Amino acid sequence: MSRIKHSLPLTVAFAVALPCAAASAKPPDQPQPSTPTTGTPTPGTGTTTPTPGTGTTTPATDDLTDEEIISYLEVYNDVGLDNNRKNRKSMKDKRVKKFAETRIKHANGAKKRLTTMRTRNKFKPKRSGDVTNYETTVVEAYKDLDSTKKGREFDATYIDDEIEVMTNMVDTIDRVLLPNVDLPELRDELNTVRTEVNSDIQEARTIRDNLREQQPVT
């Protein structure tokens, strides 16, 4: 009986010691990995994929009116018209001069159509900040001609400037004006201008290639 009384406490102590020893042998808790910031997002969490129709560089012109759209076209026509009239006398190449005459003809034709459209629809002039910014961009594109030497260098600079302005106009029509136009007549005008400008761009690029090759263009 005495042995049982002594061995029983030892057995209990041994049983208690085993879990303690096991616990002390466990490695320290490792920190949980943080949620990765890259890779495929977890469903239901935010992503960086923009909603269709957002996250582009197109100006915020959801409220662009037909009056403002006409103002964009008038700026393109007026600034381009002034530039071509002023610089014709500085051009040397015959094909460059002919191109300038074409630009003047297209601008005058568009001005007449827009004036008629304004009168018919009783549109009042409306100049927003976006239109003013666009005008500044066009004016700045032509400024280098003021300090360019007359002759072939001037012709090449003029053509480069015209390509820049015209390409910007097509981009503006596609991204800003056509998506916001309401009046069917004005939509037709935008498409007419777009067709004319694209044709002028192709002609200007041909002239530019010839000028770069230093080949006389007659």
N, C-alpha and C. Protein backbone atom coordinates (compact mmCIF):
# COMPACT_ATOMS: atom_id res chain seq x y z
N MET A 1 0.82 -1.21 0.00
CA MET A 1 0.00 0.00 0.00
C MET A 1 0.85 1.24 0.00
N SER A 2 1.96 1.23 0.73
CA SER A 2 2.80 2.41 0.79
C SER A 2 3.40 2.71 -0.58
N ARG A 3 3.73 1.62 -1.35
CA ARG A 3 4.29 1.86 -2.70
C ARG A 3 3.28 2.55 -3.58
N ILE A 4 2.07 2.19 -3.51
CA ILE A 4 1.03 2.81 -4.33
C ILE A 4 0.88 4.29 -3.99
N LYS A 5 0.94 4.54 -2.65
CA LYS A 5 0.81 5.94 -2.24
C LYS A 5 1.96 6.77 -2.80
N HIS A 6 3.23 6.20 -2.92
CA HIS A 6 4.37 6.98 -3.41
C HIS A 6 4.36 7.06 -4.93
N SER A 7 3.99 5.96 -5.59
CA SER A 7 4.06 5.95 -7.06
C SER A 7 2.97 6.76 -7.72
N LEU A 8 1.85 6.91 -7.11
CA LEU A 8 0.74 7.64 -7.72
C LEU A 8 1.06 9.11 -7.95
N PRO A 9 1.60 9.81 -6.97
CA PRO A 9 1.97 11.21 -7.24
C PRO A 9 3.02 11.33 -8.33
N LEU A 10 3.97 10.40 -8.42
CA LEU A 10 4.99 10.47 -9.46
C LEU A 10 4.39 10.31 -10.85
N THR A 11 3.42 9.41 -10.95
CA THR A 11 2.77 9.20 -12.25
C THR A 11 2.04 10.45 -12.70
N VAL A 12 1.35 11.07 -11.77
CA VAL A 12 0.62 12.31 -12.09
C VAL A 12 1.58 13.41 -12.51
N ALA A 13 2.67 13.54 -11.76
CA ALA A 13 3.66 14.58 -12.08
C ALA A 13 4.24 14.36 -13.47
N PHE A 14 4.51 13.07 -13.82
CA PHE A 14 5.07 12.76 -15.13
C PHE A 14 4.10 13.10 -16.26
N ALA A 15 2.81 12.84 -15.99
CA ALA A 15 1.79 13.14 -17.01
C ALA A 15 1.67 14.63 -17.23
N VAL A 16 1.80 15.40 -16.16
CA VAL A 16 1.70 16.87 -16.28
C VAL A 16 2.91 17.42 -16.99
N ALA A 17 4.08 16.80 -16.76
CA ALA A 17 5.31 17.33 -17.33
C ALA A 17 5.39 17.14 -18.83
N LEU A 18 4.75 16.06 -19.37
CA LEU A 18 4.85 15.79 -20.80
C LEU A 18 4.29 16.92 -21.67
N PRO A 19 3.05 17.39 -21.39
CA PRO A 19 2.56 18.51 -22.22
C PRO A 19 3.43 19.73 -22.13
N CYS A 20 3.99 20.01 -20.98
CA CYS A 20 4.84 21.19 -20.80
C CYS A 20 6.08 21.07 -21.66
N ALA A 21 6.66 19.85 -21.64
CA ALA A 21 7.86 19.64 -22.44
C ALA A 21 7.56 19.77 -23.92
N ALA A 22 6.39 19.25 -24.32
CA ALA A 22 6.01 19.34 -25.73
C ALA A 22 5.81 20.79 -26.15
N ALA A 23 5.21 21.56 -25.25
CA ALA A 23 4.95 22.98 -25.57
C ALA A 23 6.24 23.74 -25.72
N SER A 24 7.21 23.43 -24.85
CA SER A 24 8.47 24.15 -24.91
C SER A 24 9.26 23.77 -26.15
N ALA A 25 8.97 22.59 -26.72
CA ALA A 25 9.71 22.15 -27.91
C ALA A 25 9.14 22.73 -29.19
N LYS A 26 7.95 23.31 -29.16
CA LYS A 26 7.32 23.88 -30.36
C LYS A 26 8.09 25.11 -30.80
N PRO A 27 8.28 25.33 -32.08
CA PRO A 27 8.96 26.54 -32.55
C PRO A 27 8.10 27.75 -32.27
N PRO A 28 8.73 28.91 -32.13
CA PRO A 28 7.95 30.15 -31.88
C PRO A 28 6.99 30.42 -33.02
N ASP A 29 5.87 31.06 -32.69
CA ASP A 29 4.88 31.39 -33.71
C ASP A 29 5.51 32.23 -34.79
N GLN A 30 5.25 31.85 -36.06
CA GLN A 30 5.75 32.63 -37.19
C GLN A 30 4.74 33.72 -37.54
N PRO A 31 5.24 34.90 -37.90
CA PRO A 31 4.29 35.96 -38.28
C PRO A 31 3.52 35.58 -39.53
N GLN A 32 2.25 35.93 -39.56
CA GLN A 32 1.42 35.62 -40.71
C GLN A 32 1.84 36.49 -41.89
N PRO A 33 1.92 35.90 -43.06
CA PRO A 33 2.32 36.71 -44.23
C PRO A 33 1.27 37.76 -44.52
N SER A 34 1.77 38.94 -44.91
CA SER A 34 0.84 40.03 -45.23
C SER A 34 0.19 39.76 -46.57
N THR A 35 -0.95 40.37 -46.78
CA THR A 35 -1.68 40.21 -48.04
C THR A 35 -0.87 40.82 -49.16
N PRO A 36 -0.59 40.07 -50.21
CA PRO A 36 0.24 40.62 -51.30
C PRO A 36 -0.44 41.80 -51.96
N THR A 37 0.40 42.75 -52.41
CA THR A 37 -0.14 43.95 -53.06
C THR A 37 -0.17 43.81 -54.56
N THR A 38 0.38 42.70 -55.06
CA THR A 38 0.34 42.48 -56.50
C THR A 38 -0.26 41.13 -56.77
N GLY A 39 -0.45 40.86 -58.04
CA GLY A 39 -1.01 39.56 -58.41
C GLY A 39 -2.51 39.66 -58.55
N THR A 40 -3.15 38.53 -58.70
CA THR A 40 -4.59 38.48 -58.90
C THR A 40 -5.30 38.84 -57.62
N PRO A 41 -6.19 39.83 -57.64
CA PRO A 41 -6.88 40.23 -56.42
C PRO A 41 -7.88 39.19 -55.98
N THR A 42 -8.12 39.16 -54.70
CA THR A 42 -9.12 38.25 -54.15
C THR A 42 -10.50 38.69 -54.61
N PRO A 43 -11.32 37.73 -55.07
CA PRO A 43 -12.67 38.12 -55.50
C PRO A 43 -13.39 38.89 -54.40
N GLY A 44 -14.02 39.97 -54.83
CA GLY A 44 -14.77 40.77 -53.87
C GLY A 44 -13.97 41.92 -53.32
N THR A 45 -12.63 41.97 -53.62
CA THR A 45 -11.83 43.08 -53.16
C THR A 45 -11.62 44.05 -54.29
N GLY A 46 -11.08 45.22 -53.96
CA GLY A 46 -10.89 46.24 -54.99
C GLY A 46 -9.79 45.85 -55.95
N THR A 47 -9.89 46.27 -57.20
CA THR A 47 -8.87 46.02 -58.20
C THR A 47 -8.47 47.35 -58.83
N THR A 48 -7.43 47.29 -59.64
CA THR A 48 -6.98 48.49 -60.33
C THR A 48 -7.51 48.57 -61.74
N THR A 49 -8.32 47.62 -62.13
CA THR A 49 -8.89 47.64 -63.47
C THR A 49 -9.97 48.71 -63.56
N PRO A 50 -9.81 49.68 -64.48
CA PRO A 50 -10.81 50.75 -64.55
C PRO A 50 -12.13 50.26 -65.09
N THR A 51 -13.19 50.87 -64.65
CA THR A 51 -14.51 50.57 -65.19
C THR A 51 -14.55 51.00 -66.64
N PRO A 52 -15.14 50.23 -67.53
CA PRO A 52 -15.21 50.61 -68.94
C PRO A 52 -15.74 52.03 -69.09
N GLY A 53 -15.01 52.82 -69.91
CA GLY A 53 -15.43 54.20 -70.12
C GLY A 53 -14.79 55.17 -69.16
N THR A 54 -13.98 54.66 -68.19
CA THR A 54 -13.29 55.55 -67.26
C THR A 54 -11.81 55.28 -67.31
N GLY A 55 -11.06 56.10 -66.60
CA GLY A 55 -9.62 55.90 -66.53
C GLY A 55 -8.89 56.20 -67.81
N THR A 56 -9.45 57.06 -68.67
CA THR A 56 -8.79 57.44 -69.90
C THR A 56 -8.28 58.86 -69.78
N THR A 57 -7.55 59.32 -70.82
CA THR A 57 -7.03 60.68 -70.81
C THR A 57 -7.98 61.67 -71.45
N THR A 58 -9.14 61.22 -71.84
CA THR A 58 -10.11 62.11 -72.44
C THR A 58 -10.57 63.15 -71.43
N PRO A 59 -10.61 64.44 -71.80
CA PRO A 59 -11.05 65.46 -70.87
C PRO A 59 -12.47 65.18 -70.37
N ALA A 60 -12.77 65.66 -69.18
CA ALA A 60 -14.10 65.47 -68.61
C ALA A 60 -15.07 66.42 -69.29
N THR A 61 -15.73 65.93 -70.34
CA THR A 61 -16.61 66.79 -71.13
C THR A 61 -18.00 66.18 -71.22
N ASP A 62 -18.47 65.60 -70.14
CA ASP A 62 -19.79 64.98 -70.16
C ASP A 62 -20.88 66.00 -70.45
N ASP A 63 -20.64 67.26 -70.08
CA ASP A 63 -21.65 68.30 -70.26
C ASP A 63 -21.34 69.18 -71.46
N LEU A 64 -20.49 68.73 -72.36
CA LEU A 64 -20.13 69.51 -73.54
C LEU A 64 -21.37 69.73 -74.40
N THR A 65 -21.64 70.98 -74.73
CA THR A 65 -22.82 71.32 -75.52
C THR A 65 -22.47 71.43 -77.00
N ASP A 66 -23.50 71.48 -77.83
CA ASP A 66 -23.27 71.66 -79.25
C ASP A 66 -22.64 73.02 -79.54
N GLU A 67 -23.00 74.04 -78.76
CA GLU A 67 -22.39 75.37 -78.92
C GLU A 67 -20.88 75.29 -78.69
N GLU A 68 -20.47 74.53 -77.68
CA GLU A 68 -19.03 74.38 -77.40
C GLU A 68 -18.34 73.58 -78.49
N ILE A 69 -19.02 72.58 -79.00
CA ILE A 69 -18.44 71.77 -80.08
C ILE A 69 -18.19 72.64 -81.31
N ILE A 70 -19.13 73.51 -81.62
CA ILE A 70 -18.92 74.45 -82.73
C ILE A 70 -17.72 75.34 -82.46
N SER A 71 -17.55 75.75 -81.20
CA SER A 71 -16.42 76.61 -80.85
C SER A 71 -15.09 75.91 -81.09
N TYR A 72 -15.01 74.61 -80.80
CA TYR A 72 -13.80 73.84 -81.10
C TYR A 72 -13.48 73.93 -82.60
N LEU A 73 -14.49 73.71 -83.43
CA LEU A 73 -14.28 73.74 -84.87
C LEU A 73 -13.89 75.13 -85.35
N GLU A 74 -14.49 76.15 -84.77
CA GLU A 74 -14.18 77.52 -85.16
C GLU A 74 -12.74 77.88 -84.79
N VAL A 75 -12.28 77.42 -83.64
CA VAL A 75 -10.89 77.67 -83.25
C VAL A 75 -9.94 77.01 -84.25
N TYR A 76 -10.21 75.77 -84.59
CA TYR A 76 -9.37 75.06 -85.56
C TYR A 76 -9.33 75.80 -86.88
N ASN A 77 -10.48 76.25 -87.36
CA ASN A 77 -10.55 76.95 -88.64
C ASN A 77 -9.87 78.32 -88.57
N ASP A 78 -10.19 79.10 -87.55
CA ASP A 78 -9.70 80.48 -87.47
C ASP A 78 -8.18 80.54 -87.29
N VAL A 79 -7.65 79.75 -86.36
CA VAL A 79 -6.21 79.79 -86.12
C VAL A 79 -5.45 79.24 -87.32
N GLY A 80 -5.96 78.15 -87.89
CA GLY A 80 -5.32 77.59 -89.08
C GLY A 80 -5.37 78.54 -90.26
N LEU A 81 -6.49 79.22 -90.41
CA LEU A 81 -6.65 80.18 -91.51
C LEU A 81 -5.66 81.32 -91.37
N ASP A 82 -5.55 81.88 -90.18
CA ASP A 82 -4.60 82.98 -89.95
C ASP A 82 -3.17 82.53 -90.21
N ASN A 83 -2.83 81.33 -89.75
CA ASN A 83 -1.47 80.83 -89.92
C ASN A 83 -1.12 80.67 -91.39
N ASN A 84 -2.04 80.10 -92.16
CA ASN A 84 -1.74 79.85 -93.57
C ASN A 84 -1.69 81.14 -94.38
N ARG A 85 -2.58 82.06 -94.10
CA ARG A 85 -2.55 83.35 -94.81
C ARG A 85 -1.26 84.11 -94.52
N LYS A 86 -0.86 84.12 -93.27
CA LYS A 86 0.31 84.89 -92.85
C LYS A 86 1.61 84.33 -93.42
N ASN A 87 1.70 83.01 -93.56
CA ASN A 87 2.97 82.38 -93.88
C ASN A 87 3.13 81.97 -95.34
N ARG A 88 2.13 82.24 -96.16
CA ARG A 88 2.25 81.84 -97.56
C ARG A 88 3.45 82.49 -98.24
N LYS A 89 3.70 83.73 -97.91
CA LYS A 89 4.78 84.46 -98.58
C LYS A 89 6.17 83.93 -98.20
N SER A 90 6.25 83.19 -97.12
CA SER A 90 7.54 82.65 -96.68
C SER A 90 7.82 81.26 -97.23
N MET A 91 6.87 80.69 -97.94
CA MET A 91 7.05 79.33 -98.48
C MET A 91 7.76 79.37 -99.81
N LYS A 92 8.60 78.37 -100.04
CA LYS A 92 9.38 78.28 -101.28
C LYS A 92 8.87 77.18 -102.20
N ASP A 93 8.57 76.02 -101.64
CA ASP A 93 8.17 74.88 -102.43
C ASP A 93 6.75 75.07 -102.98
N LYS A 94 6.58 74.79 -104.26
CA LYS A 94 5.28 75.00 -104.89
C LYS A 94 4.20 74.11 -104.30
N ARG A 95 4.56 72.87 -103.97
CA ARG A 95 3.56 71.96 -103.43
C ARG A 95 3.16 72.38 -102.02
N VAL A 96 4.08 72.93 -101.26
CA VAL A 96 3.75 73.45 -99.93
C VAL A 96 2.79 74.62 -100.05
N LYS A 97 3.04 75.50 -100.99
CA LYS A 97 2.14 76.64 -101.20
C LYS A 97 0.75 76.16 -101.61
N LYS A 98 0.70 75.16 -102.48
CA LYS A 98 -0.59 74.63 -102.90
C LYS A 98 -1.33 74.00 -101.72
N PHE A 99 -0.58 73.33 -100.85
CA PHE A 99 -1.19 72.74 -99.66
C PHE A 99 -1.78 73.82 -98.77
N ALA A 100 -1.07 74.92 -98.60
CA ALA A 100 -1.57 76.03 -97.79
C ALA A 100 -2.87 76.58 -98.38
N GLU A 101 -2.96 76.65 -99.69
CA GLU A 101 -4.18 77.12 -100.34
C GLU A 101 -5.34 76.16 -100.07
N THR A 102 -5.05 74.87 -100.07
CA THR A 102 -6.08 73.87 -99.76
C THR A 102 -6.59 74.04 -98.34
N ARG A 103 -5.66 74.27 -97.40
CA ARG A 103 -6.06 74.48 -96.01
C ARG A 103 -6.93 75.72 -95.87
N ILE A 104 -6.60 76.76 -96.59
CA ILE A 104 -7.40 77.98 -96.55
C ILE A 104 -8.79 77.73 -97.12
N LYS A 105 -8.85 76.99 -98.22
CA LYS A 105 -10.14 76.67 -98.84
C LYS A 105 -11.02 75.86 -97.90
N HIS A 106 -10.46 74.86 -97.27
CA HIS A 106 -11.24 74.03 -96.34
C HIS A 106 -11.71 74.84 -95.13
N ALA A 107 -10.85 75.71 -94.62
CA ALA A 107 -11.23 76.51 -93.46
C ALA A 107 -12.35 77.49 -93.80
N ASN A 108 -12.26 78.12 -94.97
CA ASN A 108 -13.31 79.06 -95.37
C ASN A 108 -14.64 78.35 -95.57
N GLY A 109 -14.60 77.18 -96.19
CA GLY A 109 -15.82 76.42 -96.40
C GLY A 109 -16.47 76.01 -95.09
N ALA A 110 -15.66 75.57 -94.14
CA ALA A 110 -16.19 75.16 -92.84
C ALA A 110 -16.76 76.36 -92.07
N LYS A 111 -16.11 77.52 -92.16
CA LYS A 111 -16.60 78.72 -91.47
C LYS A 111 -17.99 79.10 -91.98
N LYS A 112 -18.19 79.01 -93.27
CA LYS A 112 -19.50 79.34 -93.83
C LYS A 112 -20.57 78.36 -93.34
N ARG A 113 -20.25 77.10 -93.33
CA ARG A 113 -21.21 76.09 -92.88
C ARG A 113 -21.56 76.28 -91.40
N LEU A 114 -20.55 76.57 -90.59
CA LEU A 114 -20.80 76.76 -89.15
C LEU A 114 -21.60 78.02 -88.87
N THR A 115 -21.35 79.07 -89.65
CA THR A 115 -22.12 80.31 -89.49
C THR A 115 -23.59 80.06 -89.80
N THR A 116 -23.84 79.32 -90.88
CA THR A 116 -25.22 78.98 -91.24
C THR A 116 -25.87 78.14 -90.16
N MET A 117 -25.13 77.20 -89.61
CA MET A 117 -25.66 76.32 -88.57
C MET A 117 -25.99 77.11 -87.30
N ARG A 118 -25.13 78.05 -86.95
CA ARG A 118 -25.39 78.89 -85.77
C ARG A 118 -26.69 79.67 -85.95
N THR A 119 -26.84 80.26 -87.12
CA THR A 119 -28.03 81.08 -87.39
C THR A 119 -29.29 80.23 -87.39
N ARG A 120 -29.24 79.10 -88.03
CA ARG A 120 -30.41 78.23 -88.15
C ARG A 120 -30.87 77.70 -86.79
N ASN A 121 -29.92 77.38 -85.93
CA ASN A 121 -30.25 76.79 -84.63
C ASN A 121 -30.21 77.78 -83.48
N LYS A 122 -29.96 79.05 -83.80
CA LYS A 122 -29.90 80.12 -82.79
C LYS A 122 -28.90 79.80 -81.69
N PHE A 123 -27.75 79.28 -82.10
CA PHE A 123 -26.68 78.98 -81.16
C PHE A 123 -25.93 80.25 -80.81
N LYS A 124 -25.67 80.44 -79.53
CA LYS A 124 -24.88 81.57 -79.08
C LYS A 124 -23.44 81.11 -78.87
N PRO A 125 -22.47 82.01 -79.09
CA PRO A 125 -21.07 81.65 -78.86
C PRO A 125 -20.86 81.20 -77.41
N LYS A 126 -20.13 80.13 -77.22
CA LYS A 126 -19.87 79.63 -75.87
C LYS A 126 -18.45 79.10 -75.82
N ARG A 127 -17.62 79.72 -74.98
CA ARG A 127 -16.23 79.34 -74.85
C ARG A 127 -15.97 78.81 -73.44
N SER A 128 -15.75 77.53 -73.31
CA SER A 128 -15.43 76.93 -72.03
C SER A 128 -13.92 76.90 -71.84
N GLY A 129 -13.49 76.48 -70.65
CA GLY A 129 -12.06 76.35 -70.39
C GLY A 129 -11.41 75.34 -71.31
N ASP A 130 -12.12 74.26 -71.64
CA ASP A 130 -11.57 73.25 -72.55
C ASP A 130 -11.30 73.83 -73.93
N VAL A 131 -12.20 74.66 -74.42
CA VAL A 131 -12.02 75.27 -75.73
C VAL A 131 -10.82 76.22 -75.71
N THR A 132 -10.71 76.99 -74.64
CA THR A 132 -9.58 77.92 -74.51
C THR A 132 -8.26 77.17 -74.46
N ASN A 133 -8.22 76.07 -73.73
CA ASN A 133 -7.01 75.25 -73.68
C ASN A 133 -6.66 74.68 -75.05
N TYR A 134 -7.68 74.28 -75.78
CA TYR A 134 -7.44 73.75 -77.12
C TYR A 134 -6.85 74.83 -78.02
N GLU A 135 -7.39 76.04 -77.92
CA GLU A 135 -6.89 77.15 -78.73
C GLU A 135 -5.42 77.43 -78.41
N THR A 136 -5.09 77.40 -77.12
CA THR A 136 -3.71 77.62 -76.71
C THR A 136 -2.78 76.58 -77.32
N THR A 137 -3.23 75.33 -77.35
CA THR A 137 -2.43 74.25 -77.91
C THR A 137 -2.16 74.48 -79.40
N VAL A 138 -3.18 74.91 -80.14
CA VAL A 138 -3.02 75.13 -81.57
C VAL A 138 -2.10 76.32 -81.84
N VAL A 139 -2.29 77.40 -81.11
CA VAL A 139 -1.46 78.58 -81.29
C VAL A 139 0.00 78.27 -81.00
N GLU A 140 0.25 77.53 -79.93
CA GLU A 140 1.62 77.18 -79.55
C GLU A 140 2.30 76.32 -80.62
N ALA A 141 1.51 75.49 -81.29
CA ALA A 141 2.09 74.60 -82.30
C ALA A 141 2.70 75.37 -83.46
N TYR A 142 2.19 76.56 -83.74
CA TYR A 142 2.66 77.34 -84.88
C TYR A 142 3.75 78.35 -84.53
N LYS A 143 4.05 78.54 -83.27
CA LYS A 143 4.94 79.62 -82.84
C LYS A 143 6.36 79.48 -83.37
N ASP A 144 6.82 78.25 -83.59
CA ASP A 144 8.20 78.08 -84.04
C ASP A 144 8.43 78.64 -85.43
N LEU A 145 7.36 78.87 -86.20
CA LEU A 145 7.52 79.44 -87.53
C LEU A 145 8.02 80.88 -87.48
N ASP A 146 7.77 81.57 -86.37
CA ASP A 146 8.19 82.97 -86.26
C ASP A 146 9.70 83.12 -86.25
N SER A 147 10.40 82.06 -85.85
CA SER A 147 11.87 82.14 -85.77
C SER A 147 12.56 81.18 -86.73
N THR A 148 11.82 80.70 -87.74
CA THR A 148 12.39 79.75 -88.70
C THR A 148 12.80 80.46 -89.99
N LYS A 149 13.96 80.10 -90.47
CA LYS A 149 14.49 80.71 -91.69
C LYS A 149 13.63 80.37 -92.89
N LYS A 150 13.40 81.36 -93.76
CA LYS A 150 12.60 81.14 -94.95
C LYS A 150 13.29 80.18 -95.90
N GLY A 151 12.49 79.46 -96.68
CA GLY A 151 13.03 78.52 -97.63
C GLY A 151 12.65 77.09 -97.27
N ARG A 152 13.50 76.14 -97.61
CA ARG A 152 13.19 74.73 -97.40
C ARG A 152 13.01 74.41 -95.92
N GLU A 153 13.82 75.04 -95.05
CA GLU A 153 13.68 74.80 -93.62
C GLU A 153 12.30 75.27 -93.13
N PHE A 154 11.88 76.40 -93.65
CA PHE A 154 10.56 76.91 -93.25
C PHE A 154 9.46 75.98 -93.75
N ASP A 155 9.58 75.53 -94.98
CA ASP A 155 8.57 74.62 -95.55
C ASP A 155 8.44 73.35 -94.71
N ALA A 156 9.58 72.79 -94.32
CA ALA A 156 9.55 71.55 -93.54
C ALA A 156 8.93 71.78 -92.16
N THR A 157 9.27 72.90 -91.54
CA THR A 157 8.71 73.21 -90.22
C THR A 157 7.21 73.45 -90.32
N TYR A 158 6.81 74.17 -91.35
CA TYR A 158 5.38 74.44 -91.57
C TYR A 158 4.59 73.14 -91.72
N ILE A 159 5.08 72.22 -92.53
CA ILE A 159 4.39 70.95 -92.76
C ILE A 159 4.32 70.14 -91.47
N ASP A 160 5.42 70.11 -90.72
CA ASP A 160 5.41 69.39 -89.44
C ASP A 160 4.37 69.97 -88.49
N ASP A 161 4.29 71.29 -88.43
CA ASP A 161 3.31 71.94 -87.56
C ASP A 161 1.88 71.61 -87.99
N GLU A 162 1.64 71.64 -89.28
CA GLU A 162 0.30 71.35 -89.79
C GLU A 162 -0.10 69.90 -89.48
N ILE A 163 0.82 68.98 -89.63
CA ILE A 163 0.52 67.58 -89.30
C ILE A 163 0.18 67.44 -87.83
N GLU A 164 0.92 68.13 -86.97
CA GLU A 164 0.65 68.08 -85.53
C GLU A 164 -0.74 68.62 -85.21
N VAL A 165 -1.08 69.78 -85.76
CA VAL A 165 -2.37 70.41 -85.49
C VAL A 165 -3.52 69.57 -86.04
N MET A 166 -3.36 69.08 -87.25
CA MET A 166 -4.43 68.30 -87.87
C MET A 166 -4.64 66.96 -87.17
N THR A 167 -3.55 66.31 -86.78
CA THR A 167 -3.68 65.05 -86.05
C THR A 167 -4.38 65.27 -84.72
N ASN A 168 -4.06 66.37 -84.06
CA ASN A 168 -4.72 66.71 -82.80
C ASN A 168 -6.21 66.96 -83.02
N MET A 169 -6.56 67.56 -84.15
CA MET A 169 -7.97 67.83 -84.45
C MET A 169 -8.75 66.54 -84.64
N VAL A 170 -8.19 65.59 -85.38
CA VAL A 170 -8.86 64.30 -85.59
C VAL A 170 -9.05 63.58 -84.25
N ASP A 171 -8.01 63.62 -83.42
CA ASP A 171 -8.10 62.98 -82.11
C ASP A 171 -9.17 63.64 -81.25
N THR A 172 -9.25 64.96 -81.31
CA THR A 172 -10.26 65.69 -80.54
C THR A 172 -11.67 65.36 -81.03
N ILE A 173 -11.84 65.27 -82.33
CA ILE A 173 -13.15 64.90 -82.88
C ILE A 173 -13.56 63.51 -82.39
N ASP A 174 -12.63 62.57 -82.46
CA ASP A 174 -12.95 61.18 -82.12
C ASP A 174 -13.22 61.01 -80.63
N ARG A 175 -12.41 61.62 -79.78
CA ARG A 175 -12.49 61.35 -78.34
C ARG A 175 -13.39 62.31 -77.58
N VAL A 176 -13.55 63.53 -78.09
CA VAL A 176 -14.24 64.56 -77.32
C VAL A 176 -15.53 65.03 -77.98
N LEU A 177 -15.49 65.32 -79.26
CA LEU A 177 -16.62 65.98 -79.91
C LEU A 177 -17.72 65.01 -80.35
N LEU A 178 -17.37 64.00 -81.12
CA LEU A 178 -18.39 63.05 -81.58
C LEU A 178 -19.13 62.35 -80.44
N PRO A 179 -18.46 61.95 -79.35
CA PRO A 179 -19.19 61.28 -78.27
C PRO A 179 -20.19 62.19 -77.55
N ASN A 180 -20.09 63.51 -77.76
CA ASN A 180 -20.96 64.42 -77.02
C ASN A 180 -21.96 65.19 -77.88
N VAL A 181 -21.85 65.06 -79.20
CA VAL A 181 -22.71 65.85 -80.08
C VAL A 181 -24.15 65.35 -80.02
N ASP A 182 -25.09 66.28 -80.12
CA ASP A 182 -26.52 65.95 -80.12
C ASP A 182 -27.16 66.23 -81.48
N LEU A 183 -26.89 67.39 -82.04
CA LEU A 183 -27.53 67.80 -83.29
C LEU A 183 -27.03 66.97 -84.47
N PRO A 184 -27.93 66.27 -85.19
CA PRO A 184 -27.50 65.45 -86.33
C PRO A 184 -26.72 66.25 -87.37
N GLU A 185 -27.14 67.48 -87.60
CA GLU A 185 -26.46 68.33 -88.58
C GLU A 185 -25.01 68.59 -88.17
N LEU A 186 -24.80 68.79 -86.88
CA LEU A 186 -23.46 69.03 -86.38
C LEU A 186 -22.62 67.75 -86.43
N ARG A 187 -23.25 66.62 -86.19
CA ARG A 187 -22.54 65.35 -86.31
C ARG A 187 -22.04 65.15 -87.75
N ASP A 188 -22.89 65.48 -88.72
CA ASP A 188 -22.48 65.38 -90.12
C ASP A 188 -21.30 66.30 -90.41
N GLU A 189 -21.33 67.50 -89.82
CA GLU A 189 -20.24 68.44 -90.03
C GLU A 189 -18.93 67.92 -89.45
N LEU A 190 -19.00 67.31 -88.28
CA LEU A 190 -17.81 66.74 -87.67
C LEU A 190 -17.22 65.65 -88.56
N ASN A 191 -18.06 64.82 -89.13
CA ASN A 191 -17.58 63.76 -90.01
C ASN A 191 -17.01 64.33 -91.30
N THR A 192 -17.62 65.42 -91.81
CA THR A 192 -17.08 66.08 -93.01
C THR A 192 -15.70 66.64 -92.74
N VAL A 193 -15.57 67.34 -91.62
CA VAL A 193 -14.27 67.91 -91.26
C VAL A 193 -13.23 66.81 -91.05
N ARG A 194 -13.65 65.75 -90.40
CA ARG A 194 -12.73 64.65 -90.13
C ARG A 194 -12.20 64.05 -91.44
N THR A 195 -13.08 63.89 -92.42
CA THR A 195 -12.66 63.35 -93.71
C THR A 195 -11.68 64.28 -94.41
N GLU A 196 -11.98 65.59 -94.39
CA GLU A 196 -11.10 66.58 -95.01
C GLU A 196 -9.73 66.60 -94.34
N VAL A 197 -9.73 66.59 -93.01
CA VAL A 197 -8.47 66.68 -92.27
C VAL A 197 -7.63 65.44 -92.50
N ASN A 198 -8.24 64.28 -92.51
CA ASN A 198 -7.47 63.05 -92.77
C ASN A 198 -6.84 63.07 -94.16
N SER A 199 -7.58 63.60 -95.13
CA SER A 199 -7.04 63.73 -96.48
C SER A 199 -5.86 64.70 -96.50
N ASP A 200 -6.00 65.81 -95.78
CA ASP A 200 -4.92 66.80 -95.71
C ASP A 200 -3.69 66.22 -95.01
N ILE A 201 -3.90 65.40 -93.98
CA ILE A 201 -2.78 64.79 -93.28
C ILE A 201 -1.98 63.89 -94.22
N GLN A 202 -2.67 63.10 -95.03
CA GLN A 202 -1.98 62.21 -95.96
C GLN A 202 -1.17 63.00 -96.98
N GLU A 203 -1.74 64.08 -97.47
CA GLU A 203 -1.03 64.93 -98.43
C GLU A 203 0.19 65.57 -97.78
N ALA A 204 0.01 66.06 -96.54
CA ALA A 204 1.13 66.70 -95.84
C ALA A 204 2.26 65.71 -95.57
N ARG A 205 1.94 64.49 -95.25
CA ARG A 205 2.98 63.48 -95.00
C ARG A 205 3.77 63.17 -96.26
N THR A 206 3.08 63.14 -97.39
CA THR A 206 3.77 62.90 -98.67
C THR A 206 4.74 64.04 -98.96
N ILE A 207 4.28 65.27 -98.74
CA ILE A 207 5.14 66.43 -98.96
C ILE A 207 6.34 66.39 -98.00
N ARG A 208 6.08 66.06 -96.76
CA ARG A 208 7.16 65.99 -95.77
C ARG A 208 8.22 64.97 -96.18
N ASP A 209 7.79 63.81 -96.66
CA ASP A 209 8.75 62.79 -97.08
C ASP A 209 9.61 63.31 -98.23
N ASN A 210 9.01 64.02 -99.17
CA ASN A 210 9.76 64.56 -100.29
C ASN A 210 10.75 65.63 -99.84
N LEU A 211 10.33 66.46 -98.91
CA LEU A 211 11.22 67.50 -98.40
C LEU A 211 12.41 66.89 -97.66
N ARG A 212 12.17 65.84 -96.90
CA ARG A 212 13.25 65.18 -96.16
C ARG A 212 14.26 64.53 -97.10
N GLU A 213 13.78 64.08 -98.23
CA GLU A 213 14.67 63.47 -99.21
C GLU A 213 15.39 64.52 -100.05
N GLN A 214 15.07 65.79 -99.78
CA GLN A 214 15.68 66.91 -100.50
C GLN A 214 15.42 66.83 -101.99
N GLN A 215 14.25 66.31 -102.35
CA GLN A 215 13.88 66.24 -103.75
C GLN A 215 12.97 67.40 -104.09
N PRO A 216 13.24 68.08 -105.18
CA PRO A 216 12.36 69.18 -105.59
C PRO A 216 10.95 68.67 -105.84
N VAL A 217 9.97 69.39 -105.35
CA VAL A 217 8.57 69.01 -105.55
C VAL A 217 7.94 70.07 -106.44
N THR A 218 7.45 69.68 -107.62
CA THR A 218 6.89 70.65 -108.55
C THR A 218 5.43 70.34 -108.82
